[in-house]
């Protein structure tokens, strides 16, 4: 397959570059495939003529989205519609990456794909609209995921390790629950989805659940680090954007479609820490 990937500098695009080795990947620089420009999207897609477009590009700085709502909507929603139109013209499959932030976090059991959405932040609202825009493409696959990280990029794992290395005391939120998910695990699952032509909306997170504080504890335990770590509440750490308190996603539907390659989050963490930045390819 010829695969066009947006957001080439991001951590998920890097994982796809490493893992989708048997496919013809095209990852234009973001100055070329500029999601803020419809003409750029149309030009690149019509030139590359991909079989699959994986949209890893997004405005993911959740707090900045609150003060830059127009830009967030442009990148996370309007641009997805442009991609859907371009894919439709080429007969390409569009894979759209979405988020647990489409839910309000008031649930008490893992969210299913058909549960009502109710985002409580600009980021969540724009990503939900992005899902709707992606569905305009006849061949679309929308992958909702959560708490993405890996050995590379700017993410919670590297923030924790860097802070511990500097000996800084850490207070980490212990009343938000979700599923840490590695980019390499998601990239493997997306590859199966693309190769087998999965359709529709699917939850794609690692199995299990924890809090941010529990995630930090697991990181330090696996690394054998005695970090100065203590729990705090969301109220102790106010942010411009509201976060869902509970955003665990149910993976049952995924398992009806084909191979489930999303491991337990503990196993995924150990893989990242053991393999580091090598390649994440099995």
C-alpha atoms as a PDB file:
ATOM      1  CA  UNK A   1       0.000   0.000   0.000  1.00  0.00           C
ATOM      2  CA  UNK A   2       0.997   3.583  -0.543  1.00  0.00           C
ATOM      3  CA  UNK A   3       0.394   5.401   2.743  1.00  0.00           C
ATOM      4  CA  UNK A   4       0.361   9.155   3.277  1.00  0.00           C
ATOM      5  CA  UNK A   5       0.930  10.260   6.879  1.00  0.00           C
ATOM      6  CA  UNK A   6       0.185  13.740   8.186  1.00  0.00           C
ATOM      7  CA  UNK A   7       1.852  15.267  11.234  1.00  0.00           C
ATOM      8  CA  UNK A   8       5.220  13.794  10.280  1.00  0.00           C
ATOM      9  CA  UNK A   9       7.094  15.309  13.227  1.00  0.00           C
ATOM     10  CA  UNK A  10       4.791  13.803  15.845  1.00  0.00           C
ATOM     11  CA  UNK A  11       5.328  10.778  18.056  1.00  0.00           C
ATOM     12  CA  UNK A  12       2.665   8.581  16.408  1.00  0.00           C
ATOM     13  CA  UNK A  13       3.940   9.322  12.908  1.00  0.00           C
ATOM     14  CA  UNK A  14       7.400   8.282  14.094  1.00  0.00           C
ATOM     15  CA  UNK A  15       6.014   4.954  15.295  1.00  0.00           C
ATOM     16  CA  UNK A  16       4.271   4.384  11.966  1.00  0.00           C
ATOM     17  CA  UNK A  17       7.523   5.157  10.149  1.00  0.00           C
ATOM     18  CA  UNK A  18       9.270   2.464  12.177  1.00  0.00           C
ATOM     19  CA  UNK A  19       6.577  -0.202  12.136  1.00  0.00           C
ATOM     20  CA  UNK A  20       4.817  -0.029   8.745  1.00  0.00           C
ATOM     21  CA  UNK A  21       7.987  -1.110   6.982  1.00  0.00           C
ATOM     22  CA  UNK A  22       6.424  -3.262   4.293  1.00  0.00           C
ATOM     23  CA  UNK A  23       4.385  -0.363   2.941  1.00  0.00           C
ATOM     24  CA  UNK A  24       5.333   2.626   0.797  1.00  0.00           C
ATOM     25  CA  UNK A  25       5.238   5.486   3.280  1.00  0.00           C
ATOM     26  CA  UNK A  26       5.114   9.159   2.389  1.00  0.00           C
ATOM     27  CA  UNK A  27       5.569  11.560   5.305  1.00  0.00           C
ATOM     28  CA  UNK A  28       5.785  15.126   3.966  1.00  0.00           C
ATOM     29  CA  UNK A  29       7.130  17.860   6.183  1.00  0.00           C
ATOM     30  CA  UNK A  30       4.366  19.800   7.844  1.00  0.00           C
ATOM     31  CA  UNK A  31       5.338  22.914   5.897  1.00  0.00           C
ATOM     32  CA  UNK A  32       4.394  20.983   2.745  1.00  0.00           C
ATOM     33  CA  UNK A  33       1.345  19.081   3.990  1.00  0.00           C
ATOM     34  CA  UNK A  34       0.010  22.092   5.907  1.00  0.00           C
ATOM     35  CA  UNK A  35      -3.285  21.114   7.511  1.00  0.00           C
ATOM     36  CA  UNK A  36      -4.306  24.752   7.778  1.00  0.00           C
ATOM     37  CA  UNK A  37      -4.363  25.064   3.974  1.00  0.00           C
ATOM     38  CA  UNK A  38      -6.979  23.253   1.897  1.00  0.00           C
ATOM     39  CA  UNK A  39      -4.962  23.740  -1.278  1.00  0.00           C
ATOM     40  CA  UNK A  40      -1.918  22.083   0.304  1.00  0.00           C
ATOM     41  CA  UNK A  41      -3.978  19.074   1.354  1.00  0.00           C
ATOM     42  CA  UNK A  42      -5.575  18.711  -2.065  1.00  0.00           C
ATOM     43  CA  UNK A  43      -2.248  19.106  -3.846  1.00  0.00           C
ATOM     44  CA  UNK A  44      -0.353  16.549  -1.764  1.00  0.00           C
ATOM     45  CA  UNK A  45      -3.113  13.933  -1.805  1.00  0.00           C
ATOM     46  CA  UNK A  46      -3.689  14.258  -5.557  1.00  0.00           C
ATOM     47  CA  UNK A  47       0.057  14.069  -6.229  1.00  0.00           C
ATOM     48  CA  UNK A  48       0.817  11.126  -3.932  1.00  0.00           C
ATOM     49  CA  UNK A  49      -2.394   9.237  -4.805  1.00  0.00           C
ATOM     50  CA  UNK A  50      -2.284   7.157  -1.628  1.00  0.00           C
ATOM     51  CA  UNK A  51      -4.263   4.030  -0.846  1.00  0.00           C
ATOM     52  CA  UNK A  52      -4.441   5.110   2.799  1.00  0.00           C
ATOM     53  CA  UNK A  53      -4.102   8.455   4.575  1.00  0.00           C
ATOM     54  CA  UNK A  54      -3.291   8.328   8.292  1.00  0.00           C
ATOM     55  CA  UNK A  55      -4.073  11.666   9.907  1.00  0.00           C
ATOM     56  CA  UNK A  56      -1.654  11.946  12.827  1.00  0.00           C
ATOM     57  CA  UNK A  57      -1.673  15.724  12.601  1.00  0.00           C
ATOM     58  CA  UNK A  58      -3.630  17.573  15.282  1.00  0.00           C
ATOM     59  CA  UNK A  59      -3.573  20.528  17.634  1.00  0.00           C
ATOM     60  CA  UNK A  60      -3.077  18.468  20.794  1.00  0.00           C
ATOM     61  CA  UNK A  61      -2.020  21.132  23.292  1.00  0.00           C
ATOM     62  CA  UNK A  62      -5.205  20.823  25.307  1.00  0.00           C
ATOM     63  CA  UNK A  63      -4.860  23.984  27.372  1.00  0.00           C
ATOM     64  CA  UNK A  64      -3.791  26.127  24.419  1.00  0.00           C
ATOM     65  CA  UNK A  65      -6.921  24.989  22.596  1.00  0.00           C
ATOM     66  CA  UNK A  66      -8.989  26.906  25.141  1.00  0.00           C
ATOM     67  CA  UNK A  67      -7.388  30.223  24.165  1.00  0.00           C
ATOM     68  CA  UNK A  68      -6.886  29.360  20.477  1.00  0.00           C
ATOM     69  CA  UNK A  69     -10.223  27.761  19.712  1.00  0.00           C
ATOM     70  CA  UNK A  70     -10.347  28.907  16.091  1.00  0.00           C
ATOM     71  CA  UNK A  71      -6.988  27.335  15.313  1.00  0.00           C
ATOM     72  CA  UNK A  72      -7.955  24.154  17.152  1.00  0.00           C
ATOM     73  CA  UNK A  73     -11.142  23.891  15.095  1.00  0.00           C
ATOM     74  CA  UNK A  74      -9.253  24.541  11.860  1.00  0.00           C
ATOM     75  CA  UNK A  75      -6.686  21.782  12.467  1.00  0.00           C
ATOM     76  CA  UNK A  76      -8.770  19.240  14.381  1.00  0.00           C
ATOM     77  CA  UNK A  77     -12.041  19.546  12.469  1.00  0.00           C
ATOM     78  CA  UNK A  78     -12.066  21.615   9.279  1.00  0.00           C
ATOM     79  CA  UNK A  79      -8.820  20.100   7.971  1.00  0.00           C
ATOM     80  CA  UNK A  80     -10.191  16.603   8.556  1.00  0.00           C
ATOM     81  CA  UNK A  81     -13.102  17.472   6.290  1.00  0.00           C
ATOM     82  CA  UNK A  82     -10.648  18.601   3.633  1.00  0.00           C
ATOM     83  CA  UNK A  83      -8.731  15.343   4.013  1.00  0.00           C
ATOM     84  CA  UNK A  84     -11.987  13.379   3.747  1.00  0.00           C
ATOM     85  CA  UNK A  85     -12.861  15.160   0.506  1.00  0.00           C
ATOM     86  CA  UNK A  86      -9.399  14.569  -0.943  1.00  0.00           C
ATOM     87  CA  UNK A  87      -9.468  10.898   0.059  1.00  0.00           C
ATOM     88  CA  UNK A  88     -12.926  10.478  -1.446  1.00  0.00           C
ATOM     89  CA  UNK A  89     -11.672  11.862  -4.755  1.00  0.00           C
ATOM     90  CA  UNK A  90      -8.801   9.355  -4.770  1.00  0.00           C
ATOM     91  CA  UNK A  91     -10.792   6.406  -3.412  1.00  0.00           C
ATOM     92  CA  UNK A  92      -8.385   6.326  -0.465  1.00  0.00           C
ATOM     93  CA  UNK A  93      -9.044   5.105   3.071  1.00  0.00           C
ATOM     94  CA  UNK A  94      -8.863   7.803   5.756  1.00  0.00           C
ATOM     95  CA  UNK A  95      -7.621   6.795   9.206  1.00  0.00           C
ATOM     96  CA  UNK A  96      -8.456   9.501  11.724  1.00  0.00           C
ATOM     97  CA  UNK A  97      -6.943   9.526  15.217  1.00  0.00           C
ATOM     98  CA  UNK A  98      -9.387  10.652  17.889  1.00  0.00           C
ATOM     99  CA  UNK A  99      -9.410  10.849  21.657  1.00  0.00           C
ATOM    100  CA  UNK A 100     -10.984   9.859  24.963  1.00  0.00           C
ATOM    101  CA  UNK A 101     -11.642  13.593  25.481  1.00  0.00           C
ATOM    102  CA  UNK A 102     -14.856  13.259  23.462  1.00  0.00           C
ATOM    103  CA  UNK A 103     -16.410  11.980  26.730  1.00  0.00           C
ATOM    104  CA  UNK A 104     -17.162  14.072  29.807  1.00  0.00           C
ATOM    105  CA  UNK A 105     -15.540  11.607  32.207  1.00  0.00           C
ATOM    106  CA  UNK A 106     -18.617  11.168  34.377  1.00  0.00           C
ATOM    107  CA  UNK A 107     -18.923   7.457  33.554  1.00  0.00           C
ATOM    108  CA  UNK A 108     -18.139   4.605  35.917  1.00  0.00           C
ATOM    109  CA  UNK A 109     -17.427   1.816  33.414  1.00  0.00           C
ATOM    110  CA  UNK A 110     -15.322   1.767  30.238  1.00  0.00           C
ATOM    111  CA  UNK A 111     -16.904   3.785  27.452  1.00  0.00           C
ATOM    112  CA  UNK A 112     -18.181   1.936  24.397  1.00  0.00           C
ATOM    113  CA  UNK A 113     -18.204   3.349  20.890  1.00  0.00           C
ATOM    114  CA  UNK A 114     -21.978   3.895  21.018  1.00  0.00           C
ATOM    115  CA  UNK A 115     -21.997   5.733  24.353  1.00  0.00           C
ATOM    116  CA  UNK A 116     -23.121   9.381  24.197  1.00  0.00           C
ATOM    117  CA  UNK A 117     -20.319  11.884  23.775  1.00  0.00           C
ATOM    118  CA  UNK A 118     -20.140  15.105  25.749  1.00  0.00           C
ATOM    119  CA  UNK A 119     -16.736  16.795  25.526  1.00  0.00           C
ATOM    120  CA  UNK A 120     -15.945  19.336  28.235  1.00  0.00           C
ATOM    121  CA  UNK A 121     -13.038  21.108  26.499  1.00  0.00           C
ATOM    122  CA  UNK A 122     -12.357  22.857  23.216  1.00  0.00           C
ATOM    123  CA  UNK A 123      -9.915  20.085  22.358  1.00  0.00           C
ATOM    124  CA  UNK A 124     -12.555  17.404  22.926  1.00  0.00           C
ATOM    125  CA  UNK A 125     -15.208  19.305  20.985  1.00  0.00           C
ATOM    126  CA  UNK A 126     -12.964  19.907  17.993  1.00  0.00           C
ATOM    127  CA  UNK A 127     -11.774  16.298  17.929  1.00  0.00           C
ATOM    128  CA  UNK A 128     -15.390  15.100  18.047  1.00  0.00           C
ATOM    129  CA  UNK A 129     -16.180  17.310  15.075  1.00  0.00           C
ATOM    130  CA  UNK A 130     -13.114  15.802  13.411  1.00  0.00           C
ATOM    131  CA  UNK A 131     -14.711  12.374  13.789  1.00  0.00           C
ATOM    132  CA  UNK A 132     -17.835  13.639  12.048  1.00  0.00           C
ATOM    133  CA  UNK A 133     -15.791  15.156   9.260  1.00  0.00           C
ATOM    134  CA  UNK A 134     -13.764  11.962   8.776  1.00  0.00           C
ATOM    135  CA  UNK A 135     -16.993   9.978   8.399  1.00  0.00           C
ATOM    136  CA  UNK A 136     -17.718  11.954   5.226  1.00  0.00           C
ATOM    137  CA  UNK A 137     -15.158   9.726   3.506  1.00  0.00           C
ATOM    138  CA  UNK A 138     -16.731   6.478   2.290  1.00  0.00           C
ATOM    139  CA  UNK A 139     -13.745   4.468   3.482  1.00  0.00           C
ATOM    140  CA  UNK A 140     -12.966   5.741   6.958  1.00  0.00           C
ATOM    141  CA  UNK A 141     -11.580   4.303  10.177  1.00  0.00           C
ATOM    142  CA  UNK A 142     -11.720   6.433  13.324  1.00  0.00           C
ATOM    143  CA  UNK A 143      -9.430   5.262  16.119  1.00  0.00           C
ATOM    144  CA  UNK A 144     -10.162   6.720  19.537  1.00  0.00           C
ATOM    145  CA  UNK A 145      -7.145   6.398  21.799  1.00  0.00           C
ATOM    146  CA  UNK A 146      -5.828   7.907  25.032  1.00  0.00           C
ATOM    147  CA  UNK A 147      -2.757   9.021  26.980  1.00  0.00           C
ATOM    148  CA  UNK A 148      -0.362   8.447  24.056  1.00  0.00           C
ATOM    149  CA  UNK A 149       3.357   8.212  24.762  1.00  0.00           C
ATOM    150  CA  UNK A 150       6.518   6.411  23.725  1.00  0.00           C
ATOM    151  CA  UNK A 151      10.270   6.555  24.192  1.00  0.00           C
ATOM    152  CA  UNK A 152      10.435   9.520  21.815  1.00  0.00           C
ATOM    153  CA  UNK A 153       8.626  12.820  21.715  1.00  0.00           C
ATOM    154  CA  UNK A 154       7.145  15.129  24.315  1.00  0.00           C
ATOM    155  CA  UNK A 155       4.898  13.077  26.584  1.00  0.00           C
ATOM    156  CA  UNK A 156       4.189  12.072  30.187  1.00  0.00           C
ATOM    157  CA  UNK A 157       6.812   9.300  30.284  1.00  0.00           C
ATOM    158  CA  UNK A 158       9.667  11.553  29.249  1.00  0.00           C
ATOM    159  CA  UNK A 159       8.439  14.405  31.436  1.00  0.00           C
ATOM    160  CA  UNK A 160       8.497  12.099  34.479  1.00  0.00           C
ATOM    161  CA  UNK A 161      11.916  10.635  33.677  1.00  0.00           C
ATOM    162  CA  UNK A 162      13.433  14.065  33.060  1.00  0.00           C
ATOM    163  CA  UNK A 163      12.000  15.455  36.294  1.00  0.00           C
ATOM    164  CA  UNK A 164      13.250  12.460  38.293  1.00  0.00           C
ATOM    165  CA  UNK A 165      16.712  12.801  36.767  1.00  0.00           C
ATOM    166  CA  UNK A 166      16.805  16.393  38.004  1.00  0.00           C
ATOM    167  CA  UNK A 167      15.680  15.337  41.479  1.00  0.00           C
ATOM    168  CA  UNK A 168      12.567  17.515  41.368  1.00  0.00           C
ATOM    169  CA  UNK A 169       9.677  16.669  43.696  1.00  0.00           C
ATOM    170  CA  UNK A 170       6.652  15.544  41.705  1.00  0.00           C
ATOM    171  CA  UNK A 171       2.965  15.934  42.536  1.00  0.00           C
ATOM    172  CA  UNK A 172       0.873  13.970  40.063  1.00  0.00           C
ATOM    173  CA  UNK A 173      -2.898  13.835  39.687  1.00  0.00           C
ATOM    174  CA  UNK A 174      -4.436  10.714  41.224  1.00  0.00           C
ATOM    175  CA  UNK A 175      -8.143  11.257  40.477  1.00  0.00           C
ATOM    176  CA  UNK A 176      -8.148  10.965  36.684  1.00  0.00           C
ATOM    177  CA  UNK A 177      -8.396   7.416  35.310  1.00  0.00           C
ATOM    178  CA  UNK A 178      -7.492   6.250  31.837  1.00  0.00           C
ATOM    179  CA  UNK A 179      -5.341   3.867  29.831  1.00  0.00           C
ATOM    180  CA  UNK A 180      -1.757   4.844  28.942  1.00  0.00           C
ATOM    181  CA  UNK A 181      -1.193   3.760  25.330  1.00  0.00           C
ATOM    182  CA  UNK A 182       2.100   3.460  23.486  1.00  0.00           C
ATOM    183  CA  UNK A 183       2.468   4.834  19.990  1.00  0.00           C
ATOM    184  CA  UNK A 184       4.076   1.606  18.823  1.00  0.00           C
ATOM    185  CA  UNK A 185       1.132  -0.493  20.045  1.00  0.00           C
ATOM    186  CA  UNK A 186      -1.325   1.848  18.343  1.00  0.00           C
ATOM    187  CA  UNK A 187       0.748   1.850  15.147  1.00  0.00           C
ATOM    188  CA  UNK A 188       0.612  -1.956  15.013  1.00  0.00           C
ATOM    189  CA  UNK A 189      -3.154  -1.945  15.489  1.00  0.00           C
ATOM    190  CA  UNK A 190      -3.623   0.733  12.842  1.00  0.00           C
ATOM    191  CA  UNK A 191      -1.561  -1.289  10.403  1.00  0.00           C
ATOM    192  CA  UNK A 192      -3.882  -4.270  10.844  1.00  0.00           C
ATOM    193  CA  UNK A 193      -6.902  -1.978  10.442  1.00  0.00           C
ATOM    194  CA  UNK A 194      -5.520  -0.565   7.200  1.00  0.00           C
ATOM    195  CA  UNK A 195      -4.489  -3.926   5.770  1.00  0.00           C
ATOM    196  CA  UNK A 196      -7.822  -5.559   6.603  1.00  0.00           C
ATOM    197  CA  UNK A 197      -9.954  -2.563   5.683  1.00  0.00           C
ATOM    198  CA  UNK A 198     -11.618  -2.004   9.047  1.00  0.00           C
ATOM    199  CA  UNK A 199     -14.407   0.558   8.916  1.00  0.00           C
ATOM    200  CA  UNK A 200     -16.124   2.903  11.322  1.00  0.00           C
ATOM    201  CA  UNK A 201     -15.352   3.972  14.868  1.00  0.00           C
ATOM    202  CA  UNK A 202     -13.173   1.787  17.099  1.00  0.00           C
ATOM    203  CA  UNK A 203     -11.620   2.253  20.544  1.00  0.00           C
ATOM    204  CA  UNK A 204      -7.887   1.548  20.393  1.00  0.00           C
ATOM    205  CA  UNK A 205      -6.173   1.890  23.752  1.00  0.00           C
ATOM    206  CA  UNK A 206      -3.993  -0.437  25.747  1.00  0.00           C
ATOM    207  CA  UNK A 207      -5.895  -2.696  28.123  1.00  0.00           C
ATOM    208  CA  UNK A 208      -6.400  -1.946  31.796  1.00  0.00           C
ATOM    209  CA  UNK A 209      -6.590   1.375  33.572  1.00  0.00           C
ATOM    210  CA  UNK A 210      -4.729   3.542  36.053  1.00  0.00           C
ATOM    211  CA  UNK A 211      -4.353   7.134  37.219  1.00  0.00           C
ATOM    212  CA  UNK A 212      -1.618   9.530  36.177  1.00  0.00           C
ATOM    213  CA  UNK A 213      -0.096   9.001  39.620  1.00  0.00           C
ATOM    214  CA  UNK A 214      -0.308   5.224  39.195  1.00  0.00           C
ATOM    215  CA  UNK A 215       1.306   5.546  35.772  1.00  0.00           C
ATOM    216  CA  UNK A 216       4.148   7.559  37.286  1.00  0.00           C
ATOM    217  CA  UNK A 217       4.612   4.973  40.038  1.00  0.00           C
ATOM    218  CA  UNK A 218       4.827   2.199  37.441  1.00  0.00           C
ATOM    219  CA  UNK A 219       7.394   4.138  35.413  1.00  0.00           C
ATOM    220  CA  UNK A 220       9.672   4.703  38.392  1.00  0.00           C
ATOM    221  CA  UNK A 221       9.267   1.144  39.675  1.00  0.00           C
ATOM    222  CA  UNK A 222      10.169  -0.303  36.281  1.00  0.00           C
ATOM    223  CA  UNK A 223      13.226   1.957  36.066  1.00  0.00           C
ATOM    224  CA  UNK A 224      14.244   1.307  39.675  1.00  0.00           C
ATOM    225  CA  UNK A 225      14.098   5.006  40.488  1.00  0.00           C
ATOM    226  CA  UNK A 226      13.374   6.380  43.943  1.00  0.00           C
ATOM    227  CA  UNK A 227      11.572   9.513  42.783  1.00  0.00           C
ATOM    228  CA  UNK A 228      10.071  12.097  45.136  1.00  0.00           C
ATOM    229  CA  UNK A 229       6.485  11.420  44.040  1.00  0.00           C
ATOM    230  CA  UNK A 230       3.239  12.300  45.810  1.00  0.00           C
ATOM    231  CA  UNK A 231      -0.409  12.290  44.697  1.00  0.00           C
ATOM    232  CA  UNK A 232      -2.609  15.339  44.255  1.00  0.00           C
ATOM    233  CA  UNK A 233      -6.135  16.023  43.043  1.00  0.00           C
ATOM    234  CA  UNK A 234      -7.295  17.716  39.877  1.00  0.00           C
ATOM    235  CA  UNK A 235      -8.474  20.598  42.056  1.00  0.00           C
ATOM    236  CA  UNK A 236      -4.922  20.978  43.388  1.00  0.00           C
ATOM    237  CA  UNK A 237      -3.613  21.413  39.850  1.00  0.00           C
ATOM    238  CA  UNK A 238      -6.027  23.709  38.000  1.00  0.00           C
ATOM    239  CA  UNK A 239      -5.662  23.967  34.225  1.00  0.00           C
ATOM    240  CA  UNK A 240      -7.451  26.080  31.601  1.00  0.00           C
ATOM    241  CA  UNK A 241      -9.060  22.981  30.062  1.00  0.00           C
ATOM    242  CA  UNK A 242     -11.163  20.485  31.974  1.00  0.00           C
ATOM    243  CA  UNK A 243      -9.992  16.880  31.810  1.00  0.00           C
ATOM    244  CA  UNK A 244     -12.349  13.898  31.971  1.00  0.00           C
ATOM    245  CA  UNK A 245     -12.071  12.266  35.402  1.00  0.00           C
ATOM    246  CA  UNK A 246     -12.766   8.823  33.959  1.00  0.00           C
ATOM    247  CA  UNK A 247     -11.977   8.113  30.315  1.00  0.00           C
ATOM    248  CA  UNK A 248     -11.260   4.393  30.070  1.00  0.00           C
ATOM    249  CA  UNK A 249     -12.314   3.051  26.653  1.00  0.00           C
ATOM    250  CA  UNK A 250     -13.854  -0.394  26.141  1.00  0.00           C
ATOM    251  CA  UNK A 251     -11.983  -2.547  23.604  1.00  0.00           C
ATOM    252  CA  UNK A 252     -14.608  -5.278  23.110  1.00  0.00           C
ATOM    253  CA  UNK A 253     -15.769  -4.050  19.688  1.00  0.00           C
ATOM    254  CA  UNK A 254     -12.193  -4.009  18.397  1.00  0.00           C
ATOM    255  CA  UNK A 255     -11.841  -7.682  19.178  1.00  0.00           C
ATOM    256  CA  UNK A 256     -14.797  -8.532  16.927  1.00  0.00           C
ATOM    257  CA  UNK A 257     -13.060  -7.037  13.895  1.00  0.00           C
ATOM    258  CA  UNK A 258      -9.778  -8.941  13.822  1.00  0.00           C
ATOM    259  CA  UNK A 259      -6.475  -9.352  15.654  1.00  0.00           C
ATOM    260  CA  UNK A 260      -6.299  -7.322  18.864  1.00  0.00           C
ATOM    261  CA  UNK A 261      -2.734  -6.048  19.169  1.00  0.00           C
ATOM    262  CA  UNK A 262      -3.281  -3.688  22.101  1.00  0.00           C
ATOM    263  CA  UNK A 263      -1.449  -5.135  25.148  1.00  0.00           C
ATOM    264  CA  UNK A 264      -2.046  -4.433  28.809  1.00  0.00           C
ATOM    265  CA  UNK A 265      -0.656  -1.004  29.617  1.00  0.00           C
ATOM    266  CA  UNK A 266       1.921  -2.461  32.053  1.00  0.00           C
ATOM    267  CA  UNK A 267       3.289  -4.750  29.333  1.00  0.00           C
ATOM    268  CA  UNK A 268       3.384  -1.891  26.839  1.00  0.00           C
ATOM    269  CA  UNK A 269       5.301   0.306  29.292  1.00  0.00           C
ATOM    270  CA  UNK A 270       7.915  -2.397  29.888  1.00  0.00           C
ATOM    271  CA  UNK A 271       8.393  -2.825  26.153  1.00  0.00           C
ATOM    272  CA  UNK A 272       9.088   0.878  25.729  1.00  0.00           C
ATOM    273  CA  UNK A 273      11.515   0.995  28.657  1.00  0.00           C
ATOM    274  CA  UNK A 274      13.345  -2.156  27.552  1.00  0.00           C
ATOM    275  CA  UNK A 275      13.542  -1.387  23.830  1.00  0.00           C
ATOM    276  CA  UNK A 276      13.799   2.370  24.133  1.00  0.00           C
ATOM    277  CA  UNK A 277      14.097   4.192  20.837  1.00  0.00           C
ATOM    278  CA  UNK A 278      15.343   1.237  18.803  1.00  0.00           C
ATOM    279  CA  UNK A 279      12.410   0.508  16.547  1.00  0.00           C
ATOM    280  CA  UNK A 280       9.441  -0.940  18.388  1.00  0.00           C
ATOM    281  CA  UNK A 281       9.050  -3.571  15.646  1.00  0.00           C
ATOM    282  CA  UNK A 282       8.378  -7.200  16.343  1.00  0.00           C
END
